[in-house]
Amino acid sequence: MRSSRRLEVMMHQVPREDQLELAAAIAAGARRRPRQAFGEYFSDTGGSCALGAAYEGAYALPRDPHEAHAIRPRMERLFDCLENVRRRCPEGCNKRLPLNAIILHLNDDHHWTREQIVEWLKKD
């Protein structure tokens, strides 16, 4: 086995429990606020990015877009995996960052749906 492939296999991990809980929170938040936001946690039009959806899924947030827009979630306090798990971008752009940064990258740069991010979190 080539050394790079061996390293890749060694780095594969089973999702942590809090990573699965994060996926469930994103899914719940996306159901509550169906419109997706890019470049911000909550948009003026009532959308949320993947991390905004996680916050929405973990807490009851105001439905008014202007009230929600002012919220800046501190999700690492709820989900340790956001700061302490490093993941490689599944799109192949060679980024390896903490999970919170990769989620934002997938949402904002690759325009993955929140549902795609949920499935990725659950399988890897």
PDB file of N, CA and C in Angstrom:
ATOM      1  N   MET A   1       0.853  -1.178   0.000  1.00  0.00           N
ATOM      2  CA  MET A   1       0.000   0.000   0.000  1.00  0.00           C
ATOM      3  C   MET A   1       0.897   1.240   0.000  1.00  0.00           C
ATOM      4  N   ARG A   2       0.605   2.192  -0.839  1.00  0.00           N
ATOM      5  CA  ARG A   2       1.386   3.433  -0.877  1.00  0.00           C
ATOM      6  C   ARG A   2       1.289   4.137   0.468  1.00  0.00           C
ATOM      7  N   SER A   3       2.344   4.841   0.841  1.00  0.00           N
ATOM      8  CA  SER A   3       2.373   5.474   2.159  1.00  0.00           C
ATOM      9  C   SER A   3       1.282   6.521   2.317  1.00  0.00           C
ATOM     10  N   SER A   4       0.967   7.289   1.269  1.00  0.00           N
ATOM     11  CA  SER A   4      -0.095   8.298   1.392  1.00  0.00           C
ATOM     12  C   SER A   4      -1.454   7.638   1.589  1.00  0.00           C
ATOM     13  N   ARG A   5      -1.683   6.534   0.908  1.00  0.00           N
ATOM     14  CA  ARG A   5      -2.952   5.806   1.070  1.00  0.00           C
ATOM     15  C   ARG A   5      -3.035   5.197   2.468  1.00  0.00           C
ATOM     16  N   ARG A   6      -1.901   4.669   2.960  1.00  0.00           N
ATOM     17  CA  ARG A   6      -1.871   4.086   4.299  1.00  0.00           C
ATOM     18  C   ARG A   6      -2.208   5.158   5.335  1.00  0.00           C
ATOM     19  N   LEU A   7      -1.637   6.342   5.194  1.00  0.00           N
ATOM     20  CA  LEU A   7      -1.909   7.434   6.111  1.00  0.00           C
ATOM     21  C   LEU A   7      -3.376   7.818   6.050  1.00  0.00           C
ATOM     22  N   GLU A   8      -3.943   7.883   4.850  1.00  0.00           N
ATOM     23  CA  GLU A   8      -5.354   8.229   4.685  1.00  0.00           C
ATOM     24  C   GLU A   8      -6.244   7.209   5.387  1.00  0.00           C
ATOM     25  N   VAL A   9      -5.925   5.921   5.261  1.00  0.00           N
ATOM     26  CA  VAL A   9      -6.703   4.876   5.917  1.00  0.00           C
ATOM     27  C   VAL A   9      -6.577   5.002   7.426  1.00  0.00           C
ATOM     28  N   MET A  10      -5.373   5.296   7.919  1.00  0.00           N
ATOM     29  CA  MET A  10      -5.174   5.434   9.357  1.00  0.00           C
ATOM     30  C   MET A  10      -5.938   6.631   9.911  1.00  0.00           C
ATOM     31  N   MET A  11      -6.121   7.680   9.116  1.00  0.00           N
ATOM     32  CA  MET A  11      -6.796   8.879   9.589  1.00  0.00           C
ATOM     33  C   MET A  11      -8.311   8.738   9.584  1.00  0.00           C
ATOM     34  N   HIS A  12      -8.846   7.744   8.859  1.00  0.00           N
ATOM     35  CA  HIS A  12     -10.289   7.562   8.838  1.00  0.00           C
ATOM     36  C   HIS A  12     -10.763   7.243  10.245  1.00  0.00           C
ATOM     37  N   GLN A  13     -11.845   7.821  10.630  1.00  0.00           N
ATOM     38  CA  GLN A  13     -12.337   7.588  11.977  1.00  0.00           C
ATOM     39  C   GLN A  13     -13.831   7.370  11.956  1.00  0.00           C
ATOM     40  N   VAL A  14     -14.289   6.708  12.984  1.00  0.00           N
ATOM     41  CA  VAL A  14     -15.720   6.530  13.177  1.00  0.00           C
ATOM     42  C   VAL A  14     -16.241   7.832  13.775  1.00  0.00           C
ATOM     43  N   PRO A  15     -17.411   8.307  13.347  1.00  0.00           N
ATOM     44  CA  PRO A  15     -17.930   9.558  13.908  1.00  0.00           C
ATOM     45  C   PRO A  15     -18.074   9.476  15.424  1.00  0.00           C
ATOM     46  N   ARG A  16     -17.670  10.521  16.092  1.00  0.00           N
ATOM     47  CA  ARG A  16     -17.829  10.612  17.540  1.00  0.00           C
ATOM     48  C   ARG A  16     -19.299  10.837  17.857  1.00  0.00           C
ATOM     49  N   GLU A  17     -19.671  10.530  19.083  1.00  0.00           N
ATOM     50  CA  GLU A  17     -21.066  10.699  19.492  1.00  0.00           C
ATOM     51  C   GLU A  17     -21.515  12.150  19.336  1.00  0.00           C
ATOM     52  N   ASP A  18     -20.665  13.103  19.738  1.00  0.00           N
ATOM     53  CA  ASP A  18     -21.074  14.506  19.613  1.00  0.00           C
ATOM     54  C   ASP A  18     -21.141  14.952  18.155  1.00  0.00           C
ATOM     55  N   GLN A  19     -20.399  14.286  17.279  1.00  0.00           N
ATOM     56  CA  GLN A  19     -20.486  14.581  15.848  1.00  0.00           C
ATOM     57  C   GLN A  19     -21.840  14.131  15.307  1.00  0.00           C
ATOM     58  N   LEU A  20     -22.331  12.992  15.773  1.00  0.00           N
ATOM     59  CA  LEU A  20     -23.664  12.521  15.366  1.00  0.00           C
ATOM     60  C   LEU A  20     -24.748  13.434  15.932  1.00  0.00           C
ATOM     61  N   GLU A  21     -24.552  13.908  17.165  1.00  0.00           N
ATOM     62  CA  GLU A  21     -25.503  14.858  17.760  1.00  0.00           C
ATOM     63  C   GLU A  21     -25.494  16.176  16.990  1.00  0.00           C
ATOM     64  N   LEU A  22     -24.318  16.600  16.550  1.00  0.00           N
ATOM     65  CA  LEU A  22     -24.208  17.807  15.726  1.00  0.00           C
ATOM     66  C   LEU A  22     -24.983  17.630  14.427  1.00  0.00           C
ATOM     67  N   ALA A  23     -24.837  16.478  13.784  1.00  0.00           N
ATOM     68  CA  ALA A  23     -25.568  16.198  12.542  1.00  0.00           C
ATOM     69  C   ALA A  23     -27.072  16.273  12.782  1.00  0.00           C
ATOM     70  N   ALA A  24     -27.536  15.707  13.893  1.00  0.00           N
ATOM     71  CA  ALA A  24     -28.969  15.745  14.218  1.00  0.00           C
ATOM     72  C   ALA A  24     -29.436  17.180  14.458  1.00  0.00           C
ATOM     73  N   ALA A  25     -28.614  17.989  15.116  1.00  0.00           N
ATOM     74  CA  ALA A  25     -28.980  19.384  15.374  1.00  0.00           C
ATOM     75  C   ALA A  25     -29.047  20.182  14.070  1.00  0.00           C
ATOM     76  N   ILE A  26     -28.112  19.953  13.147  1.00  0.00           N
ATOM     77  CA  ILE A  26     -28.149  20.641  11.850  1.00  0.00           C
ATOM     78  C   ILE A  26     -29.424  20.268  11.105  1.00  0.00           C
ATOM     79  N   ALA A  27     -29.760  18.981  11.102  1.00  0.00           N
ATOM     80  CA  ALA A  27     -30.974  18.524  10.405  1.00  0.00           C
ATOM     81  C   ALA A  27     -32.220  19.160  11.011  1.00  0.00           C
ATOM     82  N   ALA A  28     -32.293  19.213  12.338  1.00  0.00           N
ATOM     83  CA  ALA A  28     -33.458  19.808  13.005  1.00  0.00           C
ATOM     84  C   ALA A  28     -33.552  21.301  12.701  1.00  0.00           C
ATOM     85  N   GLY A  29     -32.428  21.995  12.746  1.00  0.00           N
ATOM     86  CA  GLY A  29     -32.426  23.426  12.446  1.00  0.00           C
ATOM     87  C   GLY A  29     -32.787  23.722  11.002  1.00  0.00           C
ATOM     88  N   ALA A  30     -32.341  22.877  10.087  1.00  0.00           N
ATOM     89  CA  ALA A  30     -32.663  23.064   8.665  1.00  0.00           C
ATOM     90  C   ALA A  30     -34.156  22.866   8.421  1.00  0.00           C
ATOM     91  N   ARG A  31     -34.768  21.958   9.170  1.00  0.00           N
ATOM     92  CA  ARG A  31     -36.227  21.772   9.036  1.00  0.00           C
ATOM     93  C   ARG A  31     -36.976  22.995   9.562  1.00  0.00           C
ATOM     94  N   ARG A  32     -36.475  23.583  10.621  1.00  0.00           N
ATOM     95  CA  ARG A  32     -37.149  24.749  11.211  1.00  0.00           C
ATOM     96  C   ARG A  32     -36.972  26.000  10.337  1.00  0.00           C
ATOM     97  N   ARG A  33     -35.816  26.130   9.715  1.00  0.00           N
ATOM     98  CA  ARG A  33     -35.497  27.303   8.891  1.00  0.00           C
ATOM     99  C   ARG A  33     -35.006  26.781   7.542  1.00  0.00           C
ATOM    100  N   PRO A  34     -35.938  26.451   6.611  1.00  0.00           N
ATOM    101  CA  PRO A  34     -35.588  25.744   5.369  1.00  0.00           C
ATOM    102  C   PRO A  34     -34.650  26.482   4.409  1.00  0.00           C
ATOM    103  N   ARG A  35     -34.638  27.784   4.422  1.00  0.00           N
ATOM    104  CA  ARG A  35     -33.783  28.536   3.488  1.00  0.00           C
ATOM    105  C   ARG A  35     -32.333  28.507   3.984  1.00  0.00           C
ATOM    106  N   GLN A  36     -31.399  28.237   3.083  1.00  0.00           N
ATOM    107  CA  GLN A  36     -29.987  28.169   3.457  1.00  0.00           C
ATOM    108  C   GLN A  36     -29.322  29.524   3.291  1.00  0.00           C
ATOM    109  N   ALA A  37     -28.440  29.856   4.232  1.00  0.00           N
ATOM    110  CA  ALA A  37     -27.664  31.097   4.181  1.00  0.00           C
ATOM    111  C   ALA A  37     -26.212  30.773   3.839  1.00  0.00           C
ATOM    112  N   PHE A  38     -25.540  31.729   3.237  1.00  0.00           N
ATOM    113  CA  PHE A  38     -24.130  31.584   2.878  1.00  0.00           C
ATOM    114  C   PHE A  38     -23.378  32.815   3.366  1.00  0.00           C
ATOM    115  N   GLY A  39     -22.253  32.612   4.028  1.00  0.00           N
ATOM    116  CA  GLY A  39     -21.436  33.725   4.495  1.00  0.00           C
ATOM    117  C   GLY A  39     -21.888  34.354   5.796  1.00  0.00           C
ATOM    118  N   GLU A  40     -22.916  33.826   6.404  1.00  0.00           N
ATOM    119  CA  GLU A  40     -23.408  34.317   7.692  1.00  0.00           C
ATOM    120  C   GLU A  40     -24.212  33.208   8.352  1.00  0.00           C
ATOM    121  N   TYR A  41     -24.261  33.238   9.686  1.00  0.00           N
ATOM    122  CA  TYR A  41     -24.999  32.197  10.402  1.00  0.00           C
ATOM    123  C   TYR A  41     -26.488  32.262  10.090  1.00  0.00           C
ATOM    124  N   PHE A  42     -27.037  33.481  10.132  1.00  0.00           N
ATOM    125  CA  PHE A  42     -28.459  33.695   9.873  1.00  0.00           C
ATOM    126  C   PHE A  42     -28.604  34.872   8.919  1.00  0.00           C
ATOM    127  N   SER A  43     -29.417  34.699   7.880  1.00  0.00           N
ATOM    128  CA  SER A  43     -29.586  35.772   6.897  1.00  0.00           C
ATOM    129  C   SER A  43     -30.799  36.628   7.236  1.00  0.00           C
ATOM    130  N   ASP A  44     -30.822  37.816   6.665  1.00  0.00           N
ATOM    131  CA  ASP A  44     -31.967  38.719   6.848  1.00  0.00           C
ATOM    132  C   ASP A  44     -33.238  38.149   6.238  1.00  0.00           C
ATOM    133  N   THR A  45     -33.090  37.193   5.336  1.00  0.00           N
ATOM    134  CA  THR A  45     -34.264  36.599   4.686  1.00  0.00           C
ATOM    135  C   THR A  45     -34.763  35.349   5.413  1.00  0.00           C
ATOM    136  N   GLY A  46     -34.187  35.062   6.575  1.00  0.00           N
ATOM    137  CA  GLY A  46     -34.684  33.942   7.378  1.00  0.00           C
ATOM    138  C   GLY A  46     -33.960  32.631   7.177  1.00  0.00           C
ATOM    139  N   GLY A  47     -32.812  32.644   6.515  1.00  0.00           N
ATOM    140  CA  GLY A  47     -32.058  31.413   6.295  1.00  0.00           C
ATOM    141  C   GLY A  47     -31.004  31.193   7.358  1.00  0.00           C
ATOM    142  N   SER A  48     -30.411  30.005   7.330  1.00  0.00           N
ATOM    143  CA  SER A  48     -29.300  29.696   8.228  1.00  0.00           C
ATOM    144  C   SER A  48     -28.269  28.862   7.478  1.00  0.00           C
ATOM    145  N   CYS A  49     -27.003  29.043   7.853  1.00  0.00           N
ATOM    146  CA  CYS A  49     -25.953  28.173   7.311  1.00  0.00           C
ATOM    147  C   CYS A  49     -25.972  26.878   8.123  1.00  0.00           C
ATOM    148  N   ALA A  50     -25.062  25.973   7.844  1.00  0.00           N
ATOM    149  CA  ALA A  50     -25.046  24.689   8.549  1.00  0.00           C
ATOM    150  C   ALA A  50     -24.822  24.869  10.052  1.00  0.00           C
ATOM    151  N   LEU A  51     -23.890  25.741  10.449  1.00  0.00           N
ATOM    152  CA  LEU A  51     -23.665  25.938  11.883  1.00  0.00           C
ATOM    153  C   LEU A  51     -24.803  26.726  12.523  1.00  0.00           C
ATOM    154  N   GLY A  52     -25.397  27.647  11.786  1.00  0.00           N
ATOM    155  CA  GLY A  52     -26.585  28.333  12.286  1.00  0.00           C
ATOM    156  C   GLY A  52     -27.723  27.348  12.500  1.00  0.00           C
ATOM    157  N   ALA A  53     -27.867  26.405  11.577  1.00  0.00           N
ATOM    158  CA  ALA A  53     -28.899  25.371  11.711  1.00  0.00           C
ATOM    159  C   ALA A  53     -28.630  24.499  12.929  1.00  0.00           C
ATOM    160  N   ALA A  54     -27.356  24.206  13.212  1.00  0.00           N
ATOM    161  CA  ALA A  54     -27.017  23.419  14.403  1.00  0.00           C
ATOM    162  C   ALA A  54     -27.447  24.159  15.662  1.00  0.00           C
ATOM    163  N   TYR A  55     -27.185  25.450  15.700  1.00  0.00           N
ATOM    164  CA  TYR A  55     -27.584  26.266  16.841  1.00  0.00           C
ATOM    165  C   TYR A  55     -29.103  26.285  16.965  1.00  0.00           C
ATOM    166  N   GLU A  56     -29.760  26.441  15.831  1.00  0.00           N
ATOM    167  CA  GLU A  56     -31.230  26.433  15.781  1.00  0.00           C
ATOM    168  C   GLU A  56     -31.778  25.100  16.273  1.00  0.00           C
ATOM    169  N   GLY A  57     -31.121  24.004  15.892  1.00  0.00           N
ATOM    170  CA  GLY A  57     -31.571  22.686  16.313  1.00  0.00           C
ATOM    171  C   GLY A  57     -31.346  22.417  17.783  1.00  0.00           C
ATOM    172  N   ALA A  58     -30.362  23.080  18.377  1.00  0.00           N
ATOM    173  CA  ALA A  58     -30.052  22.876  19.791  1.00  0.00           C
ATOM    174  C   ALA A  58     -30.840  23.816  20.702  1.00  0.00           C
ATOM    175  N   TYR A  59     -31.219  24.969  20.197  1.00  0.00           N
ATOM    176  CA  TYR A  59     -31.934  25.980  20.977  1.00  0.00           C
ATOM    177  C   TYR A  59     -33.135  26.478  20.181  1.00  0.00           C
ATOM    178  N   ALA A  60     -34.120  26.986  20.884  1.00  0.00           N
ATOM    179  CA  ALA A  60     -35.245  27.643  20.217  1.00  0.00           C
ATOM    180  C   ALA A  60     -34.832  29.093  19.957  1.00  0.00           C
ATOM    181  N   LEU A  61     -34.773  29.477  18.703  1.00  0.00           N
ATOM    182  CA  LEU A  61     -34.378  30.835  18.334  1.00  0.00           C
ATOM    183  C   LEU A  61     -35.583  31.623  17.852  1.00  0.00           C
ATOM    184  N   PRO A  62     -35.494  32.945  17.904  1.00  0.00           N
ATOM    185  CA  PRO A  62     -36.596  33.753  17.390  1.00  0.00           C
ATOM    186  C   PRO A  62     -36.798  33.515  15.897  1.00  0.00           C
ATOM    187  N   ARG A  63     -38.052  33.482  15.475  1.00  0.00           N
ATOM    188  CA  ARG A  63     -38.353  33.298  14.047  1.00  0.00           C
ATOM    189  C   ARG A  63     -38.051  34.559  13.244  1.00  0.00           C
ATOM    190  N   ASP A  64     -38.108  35.712  13.893  1.00  0.00           N
ATOM    191  CA  ASP A  64     -37.849  36.971  13.197  1.00  0.00           C
ATOM    192  C   ASP A  64     -36.401  36.986  12.692  1.00  0.00           C
ATOM    193  N   PRO A  65     -36.204  37.115  11.381  1.00  0.00           N
ATOM    194  CA  PRO A  65     -34.851  37.066  10.817  1.00  0.00           C
ATOM    195  C   PRO A  65     -33.911  38.127  11.384  1.00  0.00           C
ATOM    196  N   HIS A  66     -34.436  39.299  11.715  1.00  0.00           N
ATOM    197  CA  HIS A  66     -33.584  40.377  12.219  1.00  0.00           C
ATOM    198  C   HIS A  66     -33.091  40.081  13.629  1.00  0.00           C
ATOM    199  N   GLU A  67     -33.916  39.442  14.440  1.00  0.00           N
ATOM    200  CA  GLU A  67     -33.483  39.054  15.783  1.00  0.00           C
ATOM    201  C   GLU A  67     -32.460  37.925  15.706  1.00  0.00           C
ATOM    202  N   ALA A  68     -32.707  36.940  14.869  1.00  0.00           N
ATOM    203  CA  ALA A  68     -31.795  35.803  14.743  1.00  0.00           C
ATOM    204  C   ALA A  68     -30.466  36.229  14.128  1.00  0.00           C
ATOM    205  N   HIS A  69     -30.490  37.208  13.233  1.00  0.00           N
ATOM    206  CA  HIS A  69     -29.283  37.656  12.530  1.00  0.00           C
ATOM    207  C   HIS A  69     -28.227  38.180  13.505  1.00  0.00           C
ATOM    208  N   ALA A  70     -28.641  38.725  14.632  1.00  0.00           N
ATOM    209  CA  ALA A  70     -27.714  39.298  15.605  1.00  0.00           C
ATOM    210  C   ALA A  70     -27.030  38.237  16.471  1.00  0.00           C
ATOM    211  N   ILE A  71     -27.493  37.001  16.416  1.00  0.00           N
ATOM    212  CA  ILE A  71     -26.936  35.936  17.253  1.00  0.00           C
ATOM    213  C   ILE A  71     -25.637  35.429  16.643  1.00  0.00           C
ATOM    214  N   ARG A  72     -24.613  35.288  17.465  1.00  0.00           N
ATOM    215  CA  ARG A  72     -23.330  34.716  17.047  1.00  0.00           C
ATOM    216  C   ARG A  72     -23.088  33.467  17.889  1.00  0.00           C
ATOM    217  N   PRO A  73     -23.430  32.313  17.352  1.00  0.00           N
ATOM    218  CA  PRO A  73     -23.352  31.079  18.136  1.00  0.00           C
ATOM    219  C   PRO A  73     -21.943  30.737  18.602  1.00  0.00           C
ATOM    220  N   ARG A  74     -21.851  30.178  19.781  1.00  0.00           N
ATOM    221  CA  ARG A  74     -20.609  29.605  20.300  1.00  0.00           C
ATOM    222  C   ARG A  74     -20.827  28.097  20.376  1.00  0.00           C
ATOM    223  N   MET A  75     -20.855  27.462  19.217  1.00  0.00           N
ATOM    224  CA  MET A  75     -21.222  26.054  19.123  1.00  0.00           C
ATOM    225  C   MET A  75     -20.202  25.119  19.757  1.00  0.00           C
ATOM    226  N   GLU A  76     -18.928  25.535  19.841  1.00  0.00           N
ATOM    227  CA  GLU A  76     -17.925  24.643  20.412  1.00  0.00           C
ATOM    228  C   GLU A  76     -18.210  24.334  21.877  1.00  0.00           C
ATOM    229  N   ARG A  77     -19.019  25.168  22.522  1.00  0.00           N
ATOM    230  CA  ARG A  77     -19.408  24.886  23.906  1.00  0.00           C
ATOM    231  C   ARG A  77     -20.395  23.730  23.973  1.00  0.00           C
ATOM    232  N   LEU A  78     -21.161  23.539  22.916  1.00  0.00           N
ATOM    233  CA  LEU A  78     -22.130  22.436  22.850  1.00  0.00           C
ATOM    234  C   LEU A  78     -21.529  21.175  22.253  1.00  0.00           C
ATOM    235  N   PHE A  79     -20.725  21.332  21.230  1.00  0.00           N
ATOM    236  CA  PHE A  79     -20.190  20.203  20.476  1.00  0.00           C
ATOM    237  C   PHE A  79     -18.664  20.298  20.439  1.00  0.00           C
ATOM    238  N   ASP A  80     -18.020  19.560  21.322  1.00  0.00           N
ATOM    239  CA  ASP A  80     -16.565  19.564  21.433  1.00  0.00           C
ATOM    240  C   ASP A  80     -15.884  19.219  20.108  1.00  0.00           C
ATOM    241  N   CYS A  81     -16.530  18.397  19.301  1.00  0.00           N
ATOM    242  CA  CYS A  81     -15.932  17.956  18.035  1.00  0.00           C
ATOM    243  C   CYS A  81     -15.643  19.119  17.092  1.00  0.00           C
ATOM    244  N   LEU A  82     -16.351  20.224  17.226  1.00  0.00           N
ATOM    245  CA  LEU A  82     -16.150  21.350  16.313  1.00  0.00           C
ATOM    246  C   LEU A  82     -14.738  21.914  16.391  1.00  0.00           C
ATOM    247  N   GLU A  83     -14.146  21.919  17.576  1.00  0.00           N
ATOM    248  CA  GLU A  83     -12.793  22.443  17.751  1.00  0.00           C
ATOM    249  C   GLU A  83     -11.741  21.345  17.806  1.00  0.00           C
ATOM    250  N   ASN A  84     -12.120  20.156  18.255  1.00  0.00           N
ATOM    251  CA  ASN A  84     -11.130  19.121  18.554  1.00  0.00           C
ATOM    252  C   ASN A  84     -11.074  17.972  17.561  1.00  0.00           C
ATOM    253  N   VAL A  85     -11.813  18.070  16.476  1.00  0.00           N
ATOM    254  CA  VAL A  85     -11.721  17.089  15.392  1.00  0.00           C
ATOM    255  C   VAL A  85     -11.279  17.851  14.152  1.00  0.00           C
ATOM    256  N   ARG A  86     -10.239  17.366  13.524  1.00  0.00           N
ATOM    257  CA  ARG A  86      -9.765  17.956  12.263  1.00  0.00           C
ATOM    258  C   ARG A  86     -10.196  17.037  11.137  1.00  0.00           C
ATOM    259  N   ARG A  87     -10.700  17.648  10.062  1.00  0.00           N
ATOM    260  CA  ARG A  87     -11.178  16.858   8.921  1.00  0.00           C
ATOM    261  C   ARG A  87     -10.625  17.438   7.635  1.00  0.00           C
ATOM    262  N   ARG A  88     -10.491  16.574   6.669  1.00  0.00           N
ATOM    263  CA  ARG A  88     -10.055  16.964   5.330  1.00  0.00           C
ATOM    264  C   ARG A  88     -11.304  17.276   4.502  1.00  0.00           C
ATOM    265  N   CYS A  89     -11.228  18.275   3.654  1.00  0.00           N
ATOM    266  CA  CYS A  89     -12.354  18.629   2.794  1.00  0.00           C
ATOM    267  C   CYS A  89     -12.646  17.470   1.846  1.00  0.00           C
ATOM    268  N   PRO A  90     -13.887  16.990   1.825  1.00  0.00           N
ATOM    269  CA  PRO A  90     -14.233  15.871   0.950  1.00  0.00           C
ATOM    270  C   PRO A  90     -14.287  16.247  -0.531  1.00  0.00           C
ATOM    271  N   GLU A  91     -14.183  17.528  -0.838  1.00  0.00           N
ATOM    272  CA  GLU A  91     -14.184  17.973  -2.232  1.00  0.00           C
ATOM    273  C   GLU A  91     -12.795  17.886  -2.855  1.00  0.00           C
ATOM    274  N   GLY A  92     -11.794  17.537  -2.050  1.00  0.00           N
ATOM    275  CA  GLY A  92     -10.456  17.330  -2.582  1.00  0.00           C
ATOM    276  C   GLY A  92      -9.615  18.578  -2.751  1.00  0.00           C
ATOM    277  N   CYS A  93      -9.925  19.640  -2.044  1.00  0.00           N
ATOM    278  CA  CYS A  93      -9.151  20.876  -2.211  1.00  0.00           C
ATOM    279  C   CYS A  93      -7.994  20.976  -1.213  1.00  0.00           C
ATOM    280  N   ASN A  94      -7.630  19.871  -0.588  1.00  0.00           N
ATOM    281  CA  ASN A  94      -6.458  19.760   0.283  1.00  0.00           C
ATOM    282  C   ASN A  94      -6.519  20.573   1.566  1.00  0.00           C
ATOM    283  N   LYS A  95      -7.683  21.019   1.969  1.00  0.00           N
ATOM    284  CA  LYS A  95      -7.805  21.701   3.254  1.00  0.00           C
ATOM    285  C   LYS A  95      -7.993  20.645   4.342  1.00  0.00           C
ATOM    286  N   ARG A  96      -7.290  20.814   5.447  1.00  0.00           N
ATOM    287  CA  ARG A  96      -7.479  19.969   6.629  1.00  0.00           C
ATOM    288  C   ARG A  96      -7.565  20.922   7.808  1.00  0.00           C
ATOM    289  N   LEU A  97      -8.776  21.090   8.321  1.00  0.00           N
ATOM    290  CA  LEU A  97      -9.062  22.117   9.314  1.00  0.00           C
ATOM    291  C   LEU A  97      -9.934  21.548  10.422  1.00  0.00           C
ATOM    292  N   PRO A  98     -10.094  22.302  11.522  1.00  0.00           N
ATOM    293  CA  PRO A  98     -11.070  21.879  12.531  1.00  0.00           C
ATOM    294  C   PRO A  98     -12.450  21.737  11.888  1.00  0.00           C
ATOM    295  N   LEU A  99     -13.241  20.861  12.457  1.00  0.00           N
ATOM    296  CA  LEU A  99     -14.545  20.525  11.885  1.00  0.00           C
ATOM    297  C   LEU A  99     -15.413  21.757  11.646  1.00  0.00           C
ATOM    298  N   ASN A 100     -15.412  22.714  12.589  1.00  0.00           N
ATOM    299  CA  ASN A 100     -16.250  23.905  12.390  1.00  0.00           C
ATOM    300  C   ASN A 100     -15.850  24.661  11.124  1.00  0.00           C
ATOM    301  N   ALA A 101     -14.553  24.774  10.858  1.00  0.00           N
ATOM    302  CA  ALA A 101     -14.085  25.489   9.665  1.00  0.00           C
ATOM    303  C   ALA A 101     -14.410  24.721   8.388  1.00  0.00           C
ATOM    304  N   ILE A 102     -14.302  23.400   8.432  1.00  0.00           N
ATOM    305  CA  ILE A 102     -14.631  22.596   7.246  1.00  0.00           C
ATOM    306  C   ILE A 102     -16.125  22.679   6.950  1.00  0.00           C
ATOM    307  N   ILE A 103     -16.957  22.678   7.985  1.00  0.00           N
ATOM    308  CA  ILE A 103     -18.406  22.802   7.769  1.00  0.00           C
ATOM    309  C   ILE A 103     -18.720  24.141   7.107  1.00  0.00           C
ATOM    310  N   LEU A 104     -18.131  25.221   7.615  1.00  0.00           N
ATOM    311  CA  LEU A 104     -18.352  26.534   6.992  1.00  0.00           C
ATOM    312  C   LEU A 104     -17.819  26.560   5.564  1.00  0.00           C
ATOM    313  N   HIS A 105     -16.675  25.938   5.342  1.00  0.00           N
ATOM    314  CA  HIS A 105     -16.079  25.861   4.002  1.00  0.00           C
ATOM    315  C   HIS A 105     -17.012  25.122   3.036  1.00  0.00           C
ATOM    316  N   LEU A 106     -17.557  23.987   3.464  1.00  0.00           N
ATOM    317  CA  LEU A 106     -18.475  23.227   2.603  1.00  0.00           C
ATOM    318  C   LEU A 106     -19.738  24.027   2.315  1.00  0.00           C
ATOM    319  N   ASN A 107     -20.254  24.715   3.332  1.00  0.00           N
ATOM    320  CA  ASN A 107     -21.468  25.515   3.184  1.00  0.00           C
ATOM    321  C   ASN A 107     -21.220  26.715   2.259  1.00  0.00           C
ATOM    322  N   ASP A 108     -20.182  27.486   2.556  1.00  0.00           N
ATOM    323  CA  ASP A 108     -19.977  28.766   1.872  1.00  0.00           C
ATOM    324  C   ASP A 108     -19.216  28.662   0.552  1.00  0.00           C
ATOM    325  N   ASP A 109     -18.209  27.798   0.492  1.00  0.00           N
ATOM    326  CA  ASP A 109     -17.365  27.735  -0.703  1.00  0.00           C
ATOM    327  C   ASP A 109     -17.831  26.695  -1.719  1.00  0.00           C
ATOM    328  N   HIS A 110     -18.282  25.545  -1.230  1.00  0.00           N
ATOM    329  CA  HIS A 110     -18.725  24.492  -2.145  1.00  0.00           C
ATOM    330  C   HIS A 110     -20.248  24.441  -2.274  1.00  0.00           C
ATOM    331  N   HIS A 111     -20.936  25.273  -1.502  1.00  0.00           N
ATOM    332  CA  HIS A 111     -22.400  25.367  -1.515  1.00  0.00           C
ATOM    333  C   HIS A 111     -23.078  24.014  -1.308  1.00  0.00           C
ATOM    334  N   TRP A 112     -22.500  23.210  -0.413  1.00  0.00           N
ATOM    335  CA  TRP A 112     -23.174  21.971  -0.033  1.00  0.00           C
ATOM    336  C   TRP A 112     -24.446  22.335   0.710  1.00  0.00           C
ATOM    337  N   THR A 113     -25.487  21.547   0.517  1.00  0.00           N
ATOM    338  CA  THR A 113     -26.700  21.754   1.302  1.00  0.00           C
ATOM    339  C   THR A 113     -26.424  21.303   2.733  1.00  0.00           C
ATOM    340  N   ARG A 114     -27.229  21.791   3.632  1.00  0.00           N
ATOM    341  CA  ARG A 114     -27.082  21.365   5.027  1.00  0.00           C
ATOM    342  C   ARG A 114     -27.338  19.870   5.146  1.00  0.00           C
ATOM    343  N   GLU A 115     -28.235  19.348   4.320  1.00  0.00           N
ATOM    344  CA  GLU A 115     -28.526  17.910   4.334  1.00  0.00           C
ATOM    345  C   GLU A 115     -27.313  17.098   3.869  1.00  0.00           C
ATOM    346  N   GLN A 116     -26.580  17.599   2.883  1.00  0.00           N
ATOM    347  CA  GLN A 116     -25.350  16.921   2.442  1.00  0.00           C
ATOM    348  C   GLN A 116     -24.313  16.914   3.563  1.00  0.00           C
ATOM    349  N   ILE A 117     -24.205  18.016   4.269  1.00  0.00           N
ATOM    350  CA  ILE A 117     -23.260  18.107   5.386  1.00  0.00           C
ATOM    351  C   ILE A 117     -23.650  17.127   6.484  1.00  0.00           C
ATOM    352  N   VAL A 118     -24.947  17.022   6.771  1.00  0.00           N
ATOM    353  CA  VAL A 118     -25.433  16.063   7.774  1.00  0.00           C
ATOM    354  C   VAL A 118     -25.017  14.647   7.401  1.00  0.00           C
ATOM    355  N   GLU A 119     -25.246  14.265   6.161  1.00  0.00           N
ATOM    356  CA  GLU A 119     -24.898  12.901   5.722  1.00  0.00           C
ATOM    357  C   GLU A 119     -23.392  12.668   5.801  1.00  0.00           C
ATOM    358  N   TRP A 120     -22.598  13.653   5.438  1.00  0.00           N
ATOM    359  CA  TRP A 120     -21.142  13.542   5.520  1.00  0.00           C
ATOM    360  C   TRP A 120     -20.693  13.366   6.971  1.00  0.00           C
ATOM    361  N   LEU A 121     -21.285  14.127   7.884  1.00  0.00           N
ATOM    362  CA  LEU A 121     -20.935  14.001   9.302  1.00  0.00           C
ATOM    363  C   LEU A 121     -21.275  12.617   9.842  1.00  0.00           C
ATOM    364  N   LYS A 122     -22.369  12.060   9.386  1.00  0.00           N
ATOM    365  CA  LYS A 122     -22.813  10.760   9.896  1.00  0.00           C
ATOM    366  C   LYS A 122     -21.985   9.600   9.365  1.00  0.00           C
ATOM    367  N   LYS A 123     -21.418   9.737   8.180  1.00  0.00           N
ATOM    368  CA  LYS A 123     -20.722   8.583   7.602  1.00  0.00           C
ATOM    369  C   LYS A 123     -19.226   8.590   7.859  1.00  0.00           C
ATOM    370  N   ASP A 124     -18.626   9.727   8.083  1.00  0.00           N
ATOM    371  CA  ASP A 124     -17.162   9.774   8.247  1.00  0.00           C
ATOM    372  C   ASP A 124     -16.775  10.062   9.670  1.00  0.00           C
TER     373      ASP A 124
END
